[in-house]
């Protein structure tokens, strides 16, 4: 099956109204993806139970060779990571692949200017 798409939200800037990040539950069965801009910030949020997220990398000059980044997000926390550059992370079609351990993990993508 196809991965479930995450929809990036453009950061509004300091002279605009705040925007809803649009957090999406991790799709454990199909996993998630989003189209990279090369300047994306990821948010991970969990409620009462800690969960993990794996970010799929690709071989590159930094020595990355695959699924090397697994974050554990503690209970009742929101973590951020990035901004994510394409080098070492972009899959075919300029996609970033993510895999959450439970649908209780919420993921948001903020596209920085």
PDB file of N, CA and C in Angstrom:
ATOM      1  N   UNK A   1       0.835  -1.194   0.000  1.00  0.00           N
ATOM      2  CA  UNK A   1       0.000   0.000   0.000  1.00  0.00           C
ATOM      3  C   UNK A   1       0.873   1.249   0.000  1.00  0.00           C
ATOM      4  N   UNK A   2       0.304   2.323  -0.428  1.00  0.00           N
ATOM      5  CA  UNK A   2       1.006   3.598  -0.480  1.00  0.00           C
ATOM      6  C   UNK A   2       1.132   4.199   0.914  1.00  0.00           C
ATOM      7  N   UNK A   3       2.225   4.872   1.126  1.00  0.00           N
ATOM      8  CA  UNK A   3       2.411   5.589   2.388  1.00  0.00           C
ATOM      9  C   UNK A   3       1.379   6.716   2.491  1.00  0.00           C
ATOM     10  N   UNK A   4       0.995   7.046   3.709  1.00  0.00           N
ATOM     11  CA  UNK A   4       0.052   8.134   3.957  1.00  0.00           C
ATOM     12  C   UNK A   4       0.800   9.461   3.927  1.00  0.00           C
ATOM     13  N   UNK A   5       0.304  10.389   3.119  1.00  0.00           N
ATOM     14  CA  UNK A   5       0.974  11.678   2.940  1.00  0.00           C
ATOM     15  C   UNK A   5       0.719  12.602   4.121  1.00  0.00           C
ATOM     16  N   UNK A   6       1.769  13.287   4.536  1.00  0.00           N
ATOM     17  CA  UNK A   6       1.673  14.388   5.487  1.00  0.00           C
ATOM     18  C   UNK A   6       1.690  15.670   4.667  1.00  0.00           C
ATOM     19  N   UNK A   7       0.863  16.626   5.040  1.00  0.00           N
ATOM     20  CA  UNK A   7       0.756  17.876   4.297  1.00  0.00           C
ATOM     21  C   UNK A   7       1.521  18.969   5.042  1.00  0.00           C
ATOM     22  N   UNK A   8       2.640  19.444   4.486  1.00  0.00           N
ATOM     23  CA  UNK A   8       3.376  20.525   5.135  1.00  0.00           C
ATOM     24  C   UNK A   8       2.553  21.812   5.202  1.00  0.00           C
ATOM     25  N   UNK A   9       2.775  22.569   6.261  1.00  0.00           N
ATOM     26  CA  UNK A   9       2.120  23.860   6.455  1.00  0.00           C
ATOM     27  C   UNK A   9       3.197  24.938   6.388  1.00  0.00           C
ATOM     28  N   UNK A  10       2.976  25.957   5.589  1.00  0.00           N
ATOM     29  CA  UNK A  10       3.941  27.048   5.470  1.00  0.00           C
ATOM     30  C   UNK A  10       3.990  27.860   6.758  1.00  0.00           C
ATOM     31  N   UNK A  11       5.198  28.117   7.247  1.00  0.00           N
ATOM     32  CA  UNK A  11       5.360  28.979   8.417  1.00  0.00           C
ATOM     33  C   UNK A  11       4.869  30.375   8.054  1.00  0.00           C
ATOM     34  N   UNK A  12       4.045  30.997   8.919  1.00  0.00           N
ATOM     35  CA  UNK A  12       3.402  32.247   8.536  1.00  0.00           C
ATOM     36  C   UNK A  12       4.282  33.490   8.602  1.00  0.00           C
ATOM     37  N   UNK A  13       5.367  33.466   9.331  1.00  0.00           N
ATOM     38  CA  UNK A  13       6.170  34.673   9.494  1.00  0.00           C
ATOM     39  C   UNK A  13       5.647  35.521  10.640  1.00  0.00           C
ATOM     40  N   UNK A  14       6.425  36.506  11.018  1.00  0.00           N
ATOM     41  CA  UNK A  14       6.096  37.276  12.224  1.00  0.00           C
ATOM     42  C   UNK A  14       5.085  38.397  11.991  1.00  0.00           C
ATOM     43  N   UNK A  15       4.662  38.620  10.759  1.00  0.00           N
ATOM     44  CA  UNK A  15       3.682  39.674  10.488  1.00  0.00           C
ATOM     45  C   UNK A  15       2.344  39.110  10.032  1.00  0.00           C
ATOM     46  N   UNK A  16       2.146  37.810  10.263  1.00  0.00           N
ATOM     47  CA  UNK A  16       0.908  37.140   9.872  1.00  0.00           C
ATOM     48  C   UNK A  16       0.260  36.523  11.092  1.00  0.00           C
ATOM     49  N   UNK A  17      -0.972  36.078  10.925  1.00  0.00           N
ATOM     50  CA  UNK A  17      -1.658  35.390  12.002  1.00  0.00           C
ATOM     51  C   UNK A  17      -1.091  33.983  12.159  1.00  0.00           C
ATOM     52  N   UNK A  18      -1.163  33.423  13.359  1.00  0.00           N
ATOM     53  CA  UNK A  18      -0.718  32.042  13.555  1.00  0.00           C
ATOM     54  C   UNK A  18      -1.538  31.079  12.698  1.00  0.00           C
ATOM     55  N   UNK A  19      -0.960  29.923  12.390  1.00  0.00           N
ATOM     56  CA  UNK A  19      -1.648  28.914  11.597  1.00  0.00           C
ATOM     57  C   UNK A  19      -1.665  27.586  12.352  1.00  0.00           C
ATOM     58  N   UNK A  20      -2.646  26.761  12.043  1.00  0.00           N
ATOM     59  CA  UNK A  20      -2.764  25.429  12.613  1.00  0.00           C
ATOM     60  C   UNK A  20      -1.743  24.531  11.926  1.00  0.00           C
ATOM     61  N   UNK A  21      -0.921  23.847  12.704  1.00  0.00           N
ATOM     62  CA  UNK A  21       0.106  22.981  12.140  1.00  0.00           C
ATOM     63  C   UNK A  21      -0.508  21.753  11.481  1.00  0.00           C
ATOM     64  N   UNK A  22      -1.653  21.310  11.937  1.00  0.00           N
ATOM     65  CA  UNK A  22      -2.293  20.155  11.313  1.00  0.00           C
ATOM     66  C   UNK A  22      -1.579  18.867  11.628  1.00  0.00           C
ATOM     67  N   UNK A  23      -1.481  18.515  12.889  1.00  0.00           N
ATOM     68  CA  UNK A  23      -0.821  17.282  13.309  1.00  0.00           C
ATOM     69  C   UNK A  23      -1.617  16.076  12.803  1.00  0.00           C
ATOM     70  N   UNK A  24      -0.907  15.059  12.305  1.00  0.00           N
ATOM     71  CA  UNK A  24      -1.513  13.860  11.729  1.00  0.00           C
ATOM     72  C   UNK A  24      -1.034  12.631  12.482  1.00  0.00           C
ATOM     73  N   UNK A  25      -1.941  11.709  12.767  1.00  0.00           N
ATOM     74  CA  UNK A  25      -1.572  10.465  13.445  1.00  0.00           C
ATOM     75  C   UNK A  25      -0.666   9.630  12.552  1.00  0.00           C
ATOM     76  N   UNK A  26       0.372   9.041  13.145  1.00  0.00           N
ATOM     77  CA  UNK A  26       1.257   8.145  12.402  1.00  0.00           C
ATOM     78  C   UNK A  26       0.447   6.976  11.856  1.00  0.00           C
ATOM     79  N   UNK A  27       0.705   6.612  10.626  1.00  0.00           N
ATOM     80  CA  UNK A  27       0.059   5.462   9.999  1.00  0.00           C
ATOM     81  C   UNK A  27       1.011   4.272  10.171  1.00  0.00           C
ATOM     82  N   UNK A  28       0.749   3.450  11.168  1.00  0.00           N
ATOM     83  CA  UNK A  28       1.654   2.362  11.526  1.00  0.00           C
ATOM     84  C   UNK A  28       1.731   1.311  10.420  1.00  0.00           C
ATOM     85  N   UNK A  29       0.612   1.004   9.788  1.00  0.00           N
ATOM     86  CA  UNK A  29       0.591  -0.024   8.760  1.00  0.00           C
ATOM     87  C   UNK A  29       1.233   0.393   7.449  1.00  0.00           C
ATOM     88  N   UNK A  30       0.951   1.613   7.005  1.00  0.00           N
ATOM     89  CA  UNK A  30       1.442   2.088   5.709  1.00  0.00           C
ATOM     90  C   UNK A  30       2.640   3.016   5.815  1.00  0.00           C
ATOM     91  N   UNK A  31       2.882   3.543   7.008  1.00  0.00           N
ATOM     92  CA  UNK A  31       3.915   4.549   7.259  1.00  0.00           C
ATOM     93  C   UNK A  31       3.534   5.874   6.593  1.00  0.00           C
ATOM     94  N   UNK A  32       4.380   6.894   6.754  1.00  0.00           N
ATOM     95  CA  UNK A  32       4.066   8.232   6.253  1.00  0.00           C
ATOM     96  C   UNK A  32       5.167   8.745   5.346  1.00  0.00           C
ATOM     97  N   UNK A  33       4.823   9.803   4.609  1.00  0.00           N
ATOM     98  CA  UNK A  33       5.789  10.484   3.746  1.00  0.00           C
ATOM     99  C   UNK A  33       5.320  11.911   3.527  1.00  0.00           C
ATOM    100  N   UNK A  34       6.256  12.755   3.096  1.00  0.00           N
ATOM    101  CA  UNK A  34       5.889  14.086   2.617  1.00  0.00           C
ATOM    102  C   UNK A  34       6.907  14.516   1.571  1.00  0.00           C
ATOM    103  N   UNK A  35       6.487  15.423   0.698  1.00  0.00           N
ATOM    104  CA  UNK A  35       7.382  15.966  -0.325  1.00  0.00           C
ATOM    105  C   UNK A  35       8.250  17.033   0.326  1.00  0.00           C
ATOM    106  N   UNK A  36       9.551  16.854   0.198  1.00  0.00           N
ATOM    107  CA  UNK A  36      10.510  17.737   0.867  1.00  0.00           C
ATOM    108  C   UNK A  36      10.720  19.040   0.100  1.00  0.00           C
ATOM    109  N   UNK A  37      10.943  20.115   0.855  1.00  0.00           N
ATOM    110  CA  UNK A  37      11.336  21.390   0.252  1.00  0.00           C
ATOM    111  C   UNK A  37      12.830  21.635   0.457  1.00  0.00           C
ATOM    112  N   UNK A  38      13.441  20.898   1.368  1.00  0.00           N
ATOM    113  CA  UNK A  38      14.829  21.139   1.743  1.00  0.00           C
ATOM    114  C   UNK A  38      14.947  22.072   2.926  1.00  0.00           C
ATOM    115  N   UNK A  39      13.810  22.484   3.468  1.00  0.00           N
ATOM    116  CA  UNK A  39      13.798  23.387   4.622  1.00  0.00           C
ATOM    117  C   UNK A  39      12.539  23.137   5.443  1.00  0.00           C
ATOM    118  N   UNK A  40      12.370  21.874   5.883  1.00  0.00           N
ATOM    119  CA  UNK A  40      11.171  21.464   6.618  1.00  0.00           C
ATOM    120  C   UNK A  40      11.512  21.140   8.063  1.00  0.00           C
ATOM    121  N   UNK A  41      10.665  21.570   8.957  1.00  0.00           N
ATOM    122  CA  UNK A  41      10.798  21.304  10.383  1.00  0.00           C
ATOM    123  C   UNK A  41       9.739  20.281  10.761  1.00  0.00           C
ATOM    124  N   UNK A  42      10.132  19.217  11.449  1.00  0.00           N
ATOM    125  CA  UNK A  42       9.189  18.170  11.847  1.00  0.00           C
ATOM    126  C   UNK A  42       8.833  18.322  13.313  1.00  0.00           C
ATOM    127  N   UNK A  43       7.550  18.139  13.632  1.00  0.00           N
ATOM    128  CA  UNK A  43       7.063  18.123  15.006  1.00  0.00           C
ATOM    129  C   UNK A  43       6.523  16.734  15.310  1.00  0.00           C
ATOM    130  N   UNK A  44       6.834  16.227  16.510  1.00  0.00           N
ATOM    131  CA  UNK A  44       6.342  14.934  16.977  1.00  0.00           C
ATOM    132  C   UNK A  44       5.722  15.152  18.348  1.00  0.00           C
ATOM    133  N   UNK A  45       4.484  14.675  18.537  1.00  0.00           N
ATOM    134  CA  UNK A  45       3.768  14.904  19.789  1.00  0.00           C
ATOM    135  C   UNK A  45       3.103  13.622  20.246  1.00  0.00           C
ATOM    136  N   UNK A  46       3.214  13.329  21.549  1.00  0.00           N
ATOM    137  CA  UNK A  46       2.520  12.183  22.133  1.00  0.00           C
ATOM    138  C   UNK A  46       1.811  12.629  23.397  1.00  0.00           C
ATOM    139  N   UNK A  47       0.794  11.855  23.787  1.00  0.00           N
ATOM    140  CA  UNK A  47       0.056  12.140  25.019  1.00  0.00           C
ATOM    141  C   UNK A  47       0.645  11.301  26.158  1.00  0.00           C
ATOM    142  N   UNK A  48      -0.120  10.405  26.717  1.00  0.00           N
ATOM    143  CA  UNK A  48       0.253   9.719  27.954  1.00  0.00           C
ATOM    144  C   UNK A  48       1.278   8.598  27.809  1.00  0.00           C
ATOM    145  N   UNK A  49       1.543   8.120  26.595  1.00  0.00           N
ATOM    146  CA  UNK A  49       2.442   6.987  26.401  1.00  0.00           C
ATOM    147  C   UNK A  49       3.572   7.371  25.454  1.00  0.00           C
ATOM    148  N   UNK A  50       4.825   7.042  25.778  1.00  0.00           N
ATOM    149  CA  UNK A  50       5.918   7.344  24.852  1.00  0.00           C
ATOM    150  C   UNK A  50       5.885   6.437  23.624  1.00  0.00           C
ATOM    151  N   UNK A  51       6.283   6.982  22.471  1.00  0.00           N
ATOM    152  CA  UNK A  51       6.366   6.222  21.223  1.00  0.00           C
ATOM    153  C   UNK A  51       7.647   6.603  20.499  1.00  0.00           C
ATOM    154  N   UNK A  52       7.944   5.873  19.430  1.00  0.00           N
ATOM    155  CA  UNK A  52       9.142   6.160  18.647  1.00  0.00           C
ATOM    156  C   UNK A  52       8.773   6.493  17.206  1.00  0.00           C
ATOM    157  N   UNK A  53       9.699   7.179  16.543  1.00  0.00           N
ATOM    158  CA  UNK A  53       9.566   7.478  15.113  1.00  0.00           C
ATOM    159  C   UNK A  53      10.921   7.194  14.464  1.00  0.00           C
ATOM    160  N   UNK A  54      10.863   6.570  13.294  1.00  0.00           N
ATOM    161  CA  UNK A  54      12.070   6.292  12.516  1.00  0.00           C
ATOM    162  C   UNK A  54      12.027   7.102  11.234  1.00  0.00           C
ATOM    163  N   UNK A  55      13.123   7.796  10.946  1.00  0.00           N
ATOM    164  CA  UNK A  55      13.262   8.589   9.733  1.00  0.00           C
ATOM    165  C   UNK A  55      14.206   7.833   8.804  1.00  0.00           C
ATOM    166  N   UNK A  56      13.767   7.560   7.591  1.00  0.00           N
ATOM    167  CA  UNK A  56      14.551   6.757   6.668  1.00  0.00           C
ATOM    168  C   UNK A  56      15.530   7.637   5.897  1.00  0.00           C
ATOM    169  N   UNK A  57      16.812   7.354   6.059  1.00  0.00           N
ATOM    170  CA  UNK A  57      17.834   8.109   5.326  1.00  0.00           C
ATOM    171  C   UNK A  57      18.304   7.293   4.125  1.00  0.00           C
ATOM    172  N   UNK A  58      19.190   7.887   3.345  1.00  0.00           N
ATOM    173  CA  UNK A  58      19.783   7.193   2.199  1.00  0.00           C
ATOM    174  C   UNK A  58      21.298   7.321   2.300  1.00  0.00           C
ATOM    175  N   UNK A  59      22.002   6.476   1.593  1.00  0.00           N
ATOM    176  CA  UNK A  59      23.460   6.545   1.594  1.00  0.00           C
ATOM    177  C   UNK A  59      23.915   7.912   1.087  1.00  0.00           C
ATOM    178  N   UNK A  60      24.910   8.491   1.773  1.00  0.00           N
ATOM    179  CA  UNK A  60      25.427   9.795   1.365  1.00  0.00           C
ATOM    180  C   UNK A  60      26.854   9.963   1.867  1.00  0.00           C
ATOM    181  N   UNK A  61      27.420  11.125   1.623  1.00  0.00           N
ATOM    182  CA  UNK A  61      28.802  11.413   1.999  1.00  0.00           C
ATOM    183  C   UNK A  61      29.028  11.406   3.511  1.00  0.00           C
ATOM    184  N   UNK A  62      27.950  11.544   4.315  1.00  0.00           N
ATOM    185  CA  UNK A  62      28.072  11.529   5.766  1.00  0.00           C
ATOM    186  C   UNK A  62      28.063  10.102   6.327  1.00  0.00           C
ATOM    187  N   UNK A  63      27.959   9.103   5.454  1.00  0.00           N
ATOM    188  CA  UNK A  63      28.009   7.719   5.897  1.00  0.00           C
ATOM    189  C   UNK A  63      26.671   7.110   6.243  1.00  0.00           C
ATOM    190  N   UNK A  64      25.586   7.829   6.018  1.00  0.00           N
ATOM    191  CA  UNK A  64      24.272   7.253   6.280  1.00  0.00           C
ATOM    192  C   UNK A  64      24.000   6.159   5.261  1.00  0.00           C
ATOM    193  N   UNK A  65      23.363   5.098   5.722  1.00  0.00           N
ATOM    194  CA  UNK A  65      23.110   3.976   4.817  1.00  0.00           C
ATOM    195  C   UNK A  65      21.682   3.468   4.861  1.00  0.00           C
ATOM    196  N   UNK A  66      20.826   4.005   5.689  1.00  0.00           N
ATOM    197  CA  UNK A  66      19.454   3.510   5.766  1.00  0.00           C
ATOM    198  C   UNK A  66      18.726   4.076   6.963  1.00  0.00           C
ATOM    199  N   UNK A  67      17.881   3.253   7.594  1.00  0.00           N
ATOM    200  CA  UNK A  67      17.069   3.697   8.730  1.00  0.00           C
ATOM    201  C   UNK A  67      17.950   3.856   9.958  1.00  0.00           C
ATOM    202  N   UNK A  68      18.543   5.033  10.121  1.00  0.00           N
ATOM    203  CA  UNK A  68      19.477   5.199  11.230  1.00  0.00           C
ATOM    204  C   UNK A  68      18.934   6.055  12.364  1.00  0.00           C
ATOM    205  N   UNK A  69      17.860   6.774  12.134  1.00  0.00           N
ATOM    206  CA  UNK A  69      17.414   7.742  13.126  1.00  0.00           C
ATOM    207  C   UNK A  69      16.094   7.306  13.742  1.00  0.00           C
ATOM    208  N   UNK A  70      16.153   6.800  14.969  1.00  0.00           N
ATOM    209  CA  UNK A  70      14.944   6.455  15.699  1.00  0.00           C
ATOM    210  C   UNK A  70      14.893   7.326  16.941  1.00  0.00           C
ATOM    211  N   UNK A  71      13.848   8.143  17.029  1.00  0.00           N
ATOM    212  CA  UNK A  71      13.660   9.016  18.182  1.00  0.00           C
ATOM    213  C   UNK A  71      12.621   8.411  19.110  1.00  0.00           C
ATOM    214  N   UNK A  72      12.862   8.497  20.394  1.00  0.00           N
ATOM    215  CA  UNK A  72      11.862   8.132  21.386  1.00  0.00           C
ATOM    216  C   UNK A  72      11.270   9.430  21.914  1.00  0.00           C
ATOM    217  N   UNK A  73       9.973   9.583  21.750  1.00  0.00           N
ATOM    218  CA  UNK A  73       9.280  10.790  22.207  1.00  0.00           C
ATOM    219  C   UNK A  73       8.621  10.455  23.545  1.00  0.00           C
ATOM    220  N   UNK A  74       9.043  11.096  24.641  1.00  0.00           N
ATOM    221  CA  UNK A  74       8.473  10.795  25.954  1.00  0.00           C
ATOM    222  C   UNK A  74       7.004  11.191  26.060  1.00  0.00           C
ATOM    223  N   UNK A  75       6.330  10.603  27.025  1.00  0.00           N
ATOM    224  CA  UNK A  75       4.921  10.908  27.280  1.00  0.00           C
ATOM    225  C   UNK A  75       4.742  12.398  27.552  1.00  0.00           C
ATOM    226  N   UNK A  76       3.643  12.940  27.050  1.00  0.00           N
ATOM    227  CA  UNK A  76       3.242  14.327  27.280  1.00  0.00           C
ATOM    228  C   UNK A  76       4.266  15.346  26.782  1.00  0.00           C
ATOM    229  N   UNK A  77       4.922  15.038  25.674  1.00  0.00           N
ATOM    230  CA  UNK A  77       5.936  15.942  25.124  1.00  0.00           C
ATOM    231  C   UNK A  77       5.695  16.201  23.646  1.00  0.00           C
ATOM    232  N   UNK A  78       6.211  17.335  23.181  1.00  0.00           N
ATOM    233  CA  UNK A  78       6.264  17.669  21.764  1.00  0.00           C
ATOM    234  C   UNK A  78       7.721  17.941  21.436  1.00  0.00           C
ATOM    235  N   UNK A  79       8.255  17.198  20.460  1.00  0.00           N
ATOM    236  CA  UNK A  79       9.640  17.374  20.028  1.00  0.00           C
ATOM    237  C   UNK A  79       9.652  17.932  18.613  1.00  0.00           C
ATOM    238  N   UNK A  80      10.726  18.658  18.279  1.00  0.00           N
ATOM    239  CA  UNK A  80      10.901  19.111  16.909  1.00  0.00           C
ATOM    240  C   UNK A  80      12.263  18.659  16.415  1.00  0.00           C
ATOM    241  N   UNK A  81      12.390  18.534  15.079  1.00  0.00           N
ATOM    242  CA  UNK A  81      13.640  18.097  14.462  1.00  0.00           C
ATOM    243  C   UNK A  81      13.764  18.760  13.110  1.00  0.00           C
ATOM    244  N   UNK A  82      14.954  19.232  12.806  1.00  0.00           N
ATOM    245  CA  UNK A  82      15.200  19.857  11.523  1.00  0.00           C
ATOM    246  C   UNK A  82      15.748  21.257  11.703  1.00  0.00           C
ATOM    247  N   UNK A  83      15.758  22.041  10.667  1.00  0.00           N
ATOM    248  CA  UNK A  83      15.145  21.767   9.379  1.00  0.00           C
ATOM    249  C   UNK A  83      15.862  20.644   8.625  1.00  0.00           C
ATOM    250  N   UNK A  84      15.072  19.865   7.906  1.00  0.00           N
ATOM    251  CA  UNK A  84      15.557  18.701   7.182  1.00  0.00           C
ATOM    252  C   UNK A  84      15.980  19.122   5.776  1.00  0.00           C
ATOM    253  N   UNK A  85      17.213  18.827   5.444  1.00  0.00           N
ATOM    254  CA  UNK A  85      17.737  19.086   4.098  1.00  0.00           C
ATOM    255  C   UNK A  85      17.567  17.823   3.257  1.00  0.00           C
ATOM    256  N   UNK A  86      17.579  17.954   1.962  1.00  0.00           N
ATOM    257  CA  UNK A  86      17.357  16.807   1.081  1.00  0.00           C
ATOM    258  C   UNK A  86      18.534  15.839   1.063  1.00  0.00           C
ATOM    259  N   UNK A  87      19.757  16.348   1.174  1.00  0.00           N
ATOM    260  CA  UNK A  87      20.943  15.500   1.140  1.00  0.00           C
ATOM    261  C   UNK A  87      20.882  14.459   2.251  1.00  0.00           C
ATOM    262  N   UNK A  88      20.877  13.203   1.876  1.00  0.00           N
ATOM    263  CA  UNK A  88      20.863  12.126   2.847  1.00  0.00           C
ATOM    264  C   UNK A  88      19.489  11.682   3.307  1.00  0.00           C
ATOM    265  N   UNK A  89      18.445  12.405   2.894  1.00  0.00           N
ATOM    266  CA  UNK A  89      17.094  12.063   3.354  1.00  0.00           C
ATOM    267  C   UNK A  89      16.091  11.865   2.225  1.00  0.00           C
ATOM    268  N   UNK A  90      16.286  12.535   1.087  1.00  0.00           N
ATOM    269  CA  UNK A  90      15.287  12.497   0.015  1.00  0.00           C
ATOM    270  C   UNK A  90      15.266  11.133  -0.679  1.00  0.00           C
ATOM    271  N   UNK A  91      14.114  10.506  -0.649  1.00  0.00           N
ATOM    272  CA  UNK A  91      13.873   9.252  -1.350  1.00  0.00           C
ATOM    273  C   UNK A  91      13.476   9.581  -2.788  1.00  0.00           C
ATOM    274  N   UNK A  92      13.296   8.580  -3.662  1.00  0.00           N
ATOM    275  CA  UNK A  92      12.841   8.874  -5.029  1.00  0.00           C
ATOM    276  C   UNK A  92      11.573   9.731  -5.011  1.00  0.00           C
ATOM    277  N   UNK A  93      11.511  10.696  -5.921  1.00  0.00           N
ATOM    278  CA  UNK A  93      10.373  11.608  -5.958  1.00  0.00           C
ATOM    279  C   UNK A  93      10.488  12.735  -4.956  1.00  0.00           C
ATOM    280  N   UNK A  94      11.686  12.895  -4.349  1.00  0.00           N
ATOM    281  CA  UNK A  94      11.936  13.948  -3.362  1.00  0.00           C
ATOM    282  C   UNK A  94      11.067  13.786  -2.113  1.00  0.00           C
ATOM    283  N   UNK A  95      10.826  12.546  -1.716  1.00  0.00           N
ATOM    284  CA  UNK A  95       9.979  12.254  -0.559  1.00  0.00           C
ATOM    285  C   UNK A  95      10.818  11.931   0.663  1.00  0.00           C
ATOM    286  N   UNK A  96      10.295  12.280   1.834  1.00  0.00           N
ATOM    287  CA  UNK A  96      10.879  11.867   3.114  1.00  0.00           C
ATOM    288  C   UNK A  96       9.975  10.794   3.680  1.00  0.00           C
ATOM    289  N   UNK A  97      10.575   9.683   4.127  1.00  0.00           N
ATOM    290  CA  UNK A  97       9.825   8.567   4.701  1.00  0.00           C
ATOM    291  C   UNK A  97       9.946   8.578   6.215  1.00  0.00           C
ATOM    292  N   UNK A  98       8.805   8.366   6.894  1.00  0.00           N
ATOM    293  CA  UNK A  98       8.747   8.298   8.343  1.00  0.00           C
ATOM    294  C   UNK A  98       7.934   7.081   8.758  1.00  0.00           C
ATOM    295  N   UNK A  99       8.276   6.499   9.909  1.00  0.00           N
ATOM    296  CA  UNK A  99       7.522   5.365  10.441  1.00  0.00           C
ATOM    297  C   UNK A  99       7.326   5.563  11.930  1.00  0.00           C
ATOM    298  N   UNK A 100       6.080   5.751  12.351  1.00  0.00           N
ATOM    299  CA  UNK A 100       5.751   5.892  13.764  1.00  0.00           C
ATOM    300  C   UNK A 100       5.360   4.548  14.355  1.00  0.00           C
ATOM    301  N   UNK A 101       5.621   4.367  15.654  1.00  0.00           N
ATOM    302  CA  UNK A 101       5.346   3.090  16.313  1.00  0.00           C
ATOM    303  C   UNK A 101       3.899   2.930  16.751  1.00  0.00           C
ATOM    304  N   UNK A 102       3.109   4.017  16.737  1.00  0.00           N
ATOM    305  CA  UNK A 102       1.726   3.959  17.198  1.00  0.00           C
ATOM    306  C   UNK A 102       0.973   5.165  16.647  1.00  0.00           C
ATOM    307  N   UNK A 103      -0.329   5.004  16.404  1.00  0.00           N
ATOM    308  CA  UNK A 103      -1.153   6.115  15.915  1.00  0.00           C
ATOM    309  C   UNK A 103      -1.291   7.222  16.959  1.00  0.00           C
ATOM    310  N   UNK A 104      -0.894   6.937  18.201  1.00  0.00           N
ATOM    311  CA  UNK A 104      -0.885   7.972  19.231  1.00  0.00           C
ATOM    312  C   UNK A 104       0.237   8.978  19.057  1.00  0.00           C
ATOM    313  N   UNK A 105       1.140   8.714  18.134  1.00  0.00           N
ATOM    314  CA  UNK A 105       2.194   9.658  17.776  1.00  0.00           C
ATOM    315  C   UNK A 105       1.645  10.582  16.701  1.00  0.00           C
ATOM    316  N   UNK A 106       1.637  11.867  16.967  1.00  0.00           N
ATOM    317  CA  UNK A 106       1.164  12.857  15.985  1.00  0.00           C
ATOM    318  C   UNK A 106       2.364  13.511  15.337  1.00  0.00           C
ATOM    319  N   UNK A 107       2.268  13.743  14.023  1.00  0.00           N
ATOM    320  CA  UNK A 107       3.380  14.303  13.249  1.00  0.00           C
ATOM    321  C   UNK A 107       2.897  15.551  12.516  1.00  0.00           C
ATOM    322  N   UNK A 108       3.690  16.600  12.563  1.00  0.00           N
ATOM    323  CA  UNK A 108       3.407  17.806  11.810  1.00  0.00           C
ATOM    324  C   UNK A 108       4.644  18.219  11.026  1.00  0.00           C
ATOM    325  N   UNK A 109       4.438  18.825   9.864  1.00  0.00           N
ATOM    326  CA  UNK A 109       5.539  19.288   9.023  1.00  0.00           C
ATOM    327  C   UNK A 109       5.341  20.785   8.781  1.00  0.00           C
ATOM    328  N   UNK A 110       6.331  21.569   9.187  1.00  0.00           N
ATOM    329  CA  UNK A 110       6.303  23.019   8.979  1.00  0.00           C
ATOM    330  C   UNK A 110       7.330  23.362   7.903  1.00  0.00           C
ATOM    331  N   UNK A 111       6.852  23.998   6.860  1.00  0.00           N
ATOM    332  CA  UNK A 111       7.725  24.412   5.760  1.00  0.00           C
ATOM    333  C   UNK A 111       8.231  25.826   6.069  1.00  0.00           C
ATOM    334  N   UNK A 112       9.534  25.930   6.282  1.00  0.00           N
ATOM    335  CA  UNK A 112      10.146  27.223   6.581  1.00  0.00           C
ATOM    336  C   UNK A 112      10.396  27.979   5.293  1.00  0.00           C
ATOM    337  N   UNK A 113      10.385  29.310   5.367  1.00  0.00           N
ATOM    338  CA  UNK A 113      10.545  30.150   4.186  1.00  0.00           C
ATOM    339  C   UNK A 113      11.865  30.070   3.511  1.00  0.00           C
TER     340      UNK A 113
END
